[in-house]
N, C-alpha and C. Protein backbone atom coordinates (compact mmCIF):
# COMPACT_ATOMS: atom_id res chain seq x y z
N MET A 1 126.89 106.47 149.32
CA MET A 1 126.70 105.77 150.83
C MET A 1 127.71 106.26 151.72
N LYS A 2 127.62 106.80 152.80
CA LYS A 2 128.75 107.28 153.69
C LYS A 2 128.73 106.18 155.01
N PHE A 3 129.99 105.69 155.38
CA PHE A 3 130.70 104.78 156.16
C PHE A 3 131.59 105.18 157.01
N GLN A 4 131.25 104.87 158.26
CA GLN A 4 132.30 105.38 159.44
C GLN A 4 133.08 103.87 159.77
N GLY A 5 134.64 103.91 159.66
CA GLY A 5 135.68 103.30 160.68
C GLY A 5 135.87 103.75 161.94
N LYS A 6 135.86 102.91 162.76
CA LYS A 6 137.00 102.65 163.84
C LYS A 6 137.40 101.99 163.89
N ILE A 7 139.05 102.47 164.21
CA ILE A 7 139.56 102.09 163.83
C ILE A 7 140.70 102.27 165.45
N LYS A 8 141.16 100.85 166.14
CA LYS A 8 142.02 101.00 167.48
C LYS A 8 142.96 100.00 166.92
N ILE A 9 144.04 101.05 167.33
CA ILE A 9 145.63 100.56 166.61
C ILE A 9 146.55 100.30 168.46
N LYS A 10 147.20 99.63 168.23
CA LYS A 10 148.60 98.98 169.26
C LYS A 10 149.29 98.85 169.03
N LEU A 11 150.59 98.86 169.88
CA LEU A 11 151.90 98.34 168.93
C LEU A 11 151.50 96.38 169.35
N ARG A 12 152.56 96.12 168.51
CA ARG A 12 152.52 94.60 168.57
C ARG A 12 153.12 94.34 169.60
N PRO A 13 152.99 92.68 170.17
CA PRO A 13 153.59 92.43 171.82
C PRO A 13 154.90 92.44 171.71
N SER A 14 155.76 91.65 170.56
CA SER A 14 157.11 92.06 170.64
C SER A 14 157.87 93.52 170.99
N ILE A 15 156.91 95.06 170.66
CA ILE A 15 157.42 95.79 170.75
C ILE A 15 157.48 96.43 172.02
N LEU A 16 158.67 97.07 172.26
CA LEU A 16 158.83 97.40 174.03
C LEU A 16 157.85 99.36 173.56
N ASP A 17 156.95 99.49 174.98
CA ASP A 17 155.91 100.56 174.74
C ASP A 17 156.58 101.42 176.12
N PRO A 18 157.66 102.09 175.87
CA PRO A 18 157.90 102.76 176.87
C PRO A 18 156.85 103.85 177.62
N HIS A 19 156.32 104.31 176.98
CA HIS A 19 154.80 105.31 177.67
C HIS A 19 154.09 104.22 178.37
N ALA A 20 153.78 103.06 178.51
CA ALA A 20 152.92 102.80 178.95
C ALA A 20 154.03 102.09 179.93
N HIS A 21 155.04 101.77 180.28
CA HIS A 21 155.91 101.10 180.96
C HIS A 21 156.09 101.95 182.05
N ALA A 22 156.54 103.61 181.63
CA ALA A 22 156.66 104.43 182.53
C ALA A 22 155.27 104.83 183.20
N THR A 23 153.66 104.51 182.52
CA THR A 23 152.53 104.69 183.25
C THR A 23 152.36 103.59 184.52
N MET A 24 152.91 102.39 183.60
CA MET A 24 152.65 101.93 185.36
C MET A 24 153.76 102.05 186.58
N LYS A 25 155.03 102.40 186.12
CA LYS A 25 155.79 102.81 187.20
C LYS A 25 154.98 103.42 188.21
N VAL A 26 154.53 104.79 187.35
CA VAL A 26 153.29 105.61 188.21
C VAL A 26 152.66 104.74 189.07
N LEU A 27 151.69 104.02 188.31
CA LEU A 27 150.43 103.27 189.07
C LEU A 27 151.19 102.67 190.43
N GLN A 28 152.16 101.76 190.09
CA GLN A 28 153.17 101.18 191.40
C GLN A 28 152.93 102.29 192.01
N THR A 29 153.71 103.07 192.04
CA THR A 29 154.31 103.93 192.69
C THR A 29 153.36 104.80 193.94
N GLN A 30 152.15 105.11 193.10
CA GLN A 30 150.50 105.59 193.89
C GLN A 30 149.86 104.71 194.60
N GLY A 31 150.38 103.40 194.44
CA GLY A 31 150.25 102.34 195.53
C GLY A 31 148.94 101.59 194.55
N TYR A 32 148.75 101.84 193.46
CA TYR A 32 147.68 100.49 192.52
C TYR A 32 148.39 99.50 192.11
N SER A 33 149.11 98.92 192.88
CA SER A 33 149.60 97.71 193.23
C SER A 33 148.50 96.05 192.19
N ASN A 34 147.64 96.36 192.10
CA ASN A 34 146.53 95.28 191.54
C ASN A 34 146.29 95.65 190.27
N VAL A 35 147.27 96.40 189.50
CA VAL A 35 147.32 97.01 188.12
C VAL A 35 148.07 96.15 187.55
N GLU A 36 147.98 94.82 186.52
CA GLU A 36 149.16 93.99 186.10
C GLU A 36 149.27 94.17 184.85
N SER A 37 149.10 94.78 183.92
CA SER A 37 149.35 95.59 182.75
C SER A 37 148.27 96.52 182.31
N LEU A 38 149.15 96.92 181.30
CA LEU A 38 148.62 98.22 180.87
C LEU A 38 149.11 98.67 179.32
N LEU A 39 148.09 98.51 177.91
CA LEU A 39 148.55 98.85 176.95
C LEU A 39 148.11 100.66 176.45
N ILE A 40 148.87 101.01 175.64
CA ILE A 40 148.55 102.17 175.25
C ILE A 40 148.44 102.65 173.48
N GLY A 41 147.50 102.55 173.19
CA GLY A 41 146.98 102.75 171.61
C GLY A 41 146.71 104.04 171.35
N LYS A 42 146.39 104.00 170.10
CA LYS A 42 145.36 104.94 169.40
C LYS A 42 144.02 104.85 169.16
N PHE A 43 143.04 105.46 168.73
CA PHE A 43 141.92 105.54 168.32
C PHE A 43 141.37 106.30 167.37
N MET A 44 140.70 105.71 166.10
CA MET A 44 141.07 107.11 164.92
C MET A 44 139.37 106.49 164.24
N GLU A 45 138.55 107.43 163.98
CA GLU A 45 137.42 107.39 163.11
C GLU A 45 137.42 108.20 161.61
N VAL A 46 137.33 107.37 161.03
CA VAL A 46 137.44 108.20 159.24
C VAL A 46 135.71 107.87 158.79
N VAL A 47 135.38 108.78 158.17
CA VAL A 47 134.10 108.76 157.04
C VAL A 47 135.04 108.72 155.80
N VAL A 48 134.22 107.77 155.22
CA VAL A 48 134.69 107.58 153.36
C VAL A 48 133.20 106.99 152.91
N GLU A 49 133.14 107.62 151.91
CA GLU A 49 132.01 107.30 150.61
C GLU A 49 132.12 105.81 149.78
N ALA A 50 131.33 105.26 150.08
CA ALA A 50 131.56 103.92 149.00
C ALA A 50 130.53 103.61 148.71
N PRO A 51 130.44 103.12 147.81
CA PRO A 51 129.20 102.54 147.25
C PRO A 51 128.77 100.88 148.36
N SER A 52 129.33 100.72 148.52
CA SER A 52 128.79 99.29 149.71
C SER A 52 129.91 99.29 151.10
N LEU A 53 129.03 98.32 152.24
CA LEU A 53 129.70 97.93 153.47
C LEU A 53 131.21 97.30 152.78
N GLU A 54 131.33 96.45 152.02
CA GLU A 54 132.64 95.89 151.43
C GLU A 54 133.66 96.78 150.77
N GLU A 55 133.50 97.33 150.26
CA GLU A 55 134.10 98.88 149.55
C GLU A 55 134.52 99.54 150.39
N ALA A 56 133.76 99.92 151.37
CA ALA A 56 134.19 100.71 152.83
C ALA A 56 135.37 99.99 153.36
N GLU A 57 135.15 98.73 153.82
CA GLU A 57 135.62 98.13 154.46
C GLU A 57 137.32 98.35 153.85
N ASN A 58 137.10 97.71 152.56
CA ASN A 58 138.46 97.04 151.90
C ASN A 58 139.46 99.05 151.77
N LEU A 59 138.35 99.62 151.36
CA LEU A 59 138.91 100.90 151.48
C LEU A 59 139.79 101.98 152.74
N ILE A 60 139.06 100.87 153.70
CA ILE A 60 139.79 101.78 155.10
C ILE A 60 140.65 100.27 155.43
N HIS A 61 140.44 99.23 155.32
CA HIS A 61 141.97 98.53 155.44
C HIS A 61 142.87 98.70 154.84
N LEU A 62 142.51 99.61 152.94
CA LEU A 62 143.75 99.90 152.78
C LEU A 62 144.31 101.26 153.30
N LEU A 63 143.77 102.20 153.64
CA LEU A 63 144.22 103.00 154.77
C LEU A 63 144.93 103.23 156.05
N CYS A 64 144.62 102.20 156.28
CA CYS A 64 145.60 101.58 157.36
C CYS A 64 146.64 101.20 157.44
N GLN A 65 146.59 100.22 156.34
CA GLN A 65 147.88 99.67 156.47
C GLN A 65 148.84 100.30 155.02
N GLU A 66 148.64 101.58 154.77
CA GLU A 66 149.55 102.21 153.54
C GLU A 66 149.70 103.59 154.22
N VAL A 67 149.27 103.88 155.32
CA VAL A 67 149.35 105.60 155.79
C VAL A 67 148.61 105.64 156.92
N LEU A 68 147.91 105.01 158.05
CA LEU A 68 147.43 105.64 159.28
C LEU A 68 148.01 104.24 160.26
N THR A 69 148.77 103.52 159.50
CA THR A 69 149.30 102.59 161.05
C THR A 69 150.83 102.72 160.41
N ASN A 70 151.71 101.75 161.36
CA ASN A 70 153.10 101.16 160.96
C ASN A 70 152.77 99.80 161.02
N PRO A 71 152.86 98.79 159.86
CA PRO A 71 152.36 97.60 159.80
C PRO A 71 153.55 96.90 160.77
N ILE A 72 154.95 97.12 160.52
CA ILE A 72 156.05 96.46 161.43
C ILE A 72 155.67 96.43 162.53
N MET A 73 155.08 97.87 163.37
CA MET A 73 155.25 98.03 164.48
C MET A 73 153.49 97.95 165.37
N GLU A 74 152.76 97.97 164.49
CA GLU A 74 151.30 98.25 165.02
C GLU A 74 150.72 97.30 164.37
N ASP A 75 149.10 96.76 165.08
CA ASP A 75 148.39 95.55 164.72
C ASP A 75 147.12 96.48 164.90
N TYR A 76 146.14 97.08 163.82
CA TYR A 76 144.91 97.53 164.31
C TYR A 76 143.78 96.59 164.07
N GLU A 77 142.35 97.14 164.52
CA GLU A 77 140.94 96.61 164.28
C GLU A 77 140.15 97.53 164.38
N LEU A 78 139.56 97.11 162.79
CA LEU A 78 138.71 97.97 162.33
C LEU A 78 136.98 97.60 162.63
N GLU A 79 135.83 98.56 162.21
CA GLU A 79 134.72 98.28 162.55
C GLU A 79 133.97 99.27 161.87
N VAL A 80 133.60 99.24 161.00
CA VAL A 80 132.96 99.69 159.99
C VAL A 80 131.22 100.01 159.88
N ARG A 81 130.74 100.80 159.85
CA ARG A 81 128.79 101.37 160.08
C ARG A 81 128.76 102.05 158.87
N GLU A 82 127.77 102.53 158.90
CA GLU A 82 126.63 103.06 157.58
C GLU A 82 126.58 104.23 158.37
N VAL A 83 126.87 105.21 158.01
CA VAL A 83 126.45 106.76 158.65
C VAL A 83 125.75 107.64 157.54
């Protein structure tokens, strides 16, 4: 069976995000003073072959922890469904 994993990756709150900081400055300069905060992250989709939803989730978690994210600096959220 095939499963699709949707992965949202963002920096941990303790990590400075210079890209978001610079973008916030531009927004404020352009008059968007009502924007209070901005997070910039990554979004990935991966399709895997697995015998069950649970095994697909385990595999994609492993991919995230070992390859797709930097666990020291980034957190991720995962949503998996059959396709």
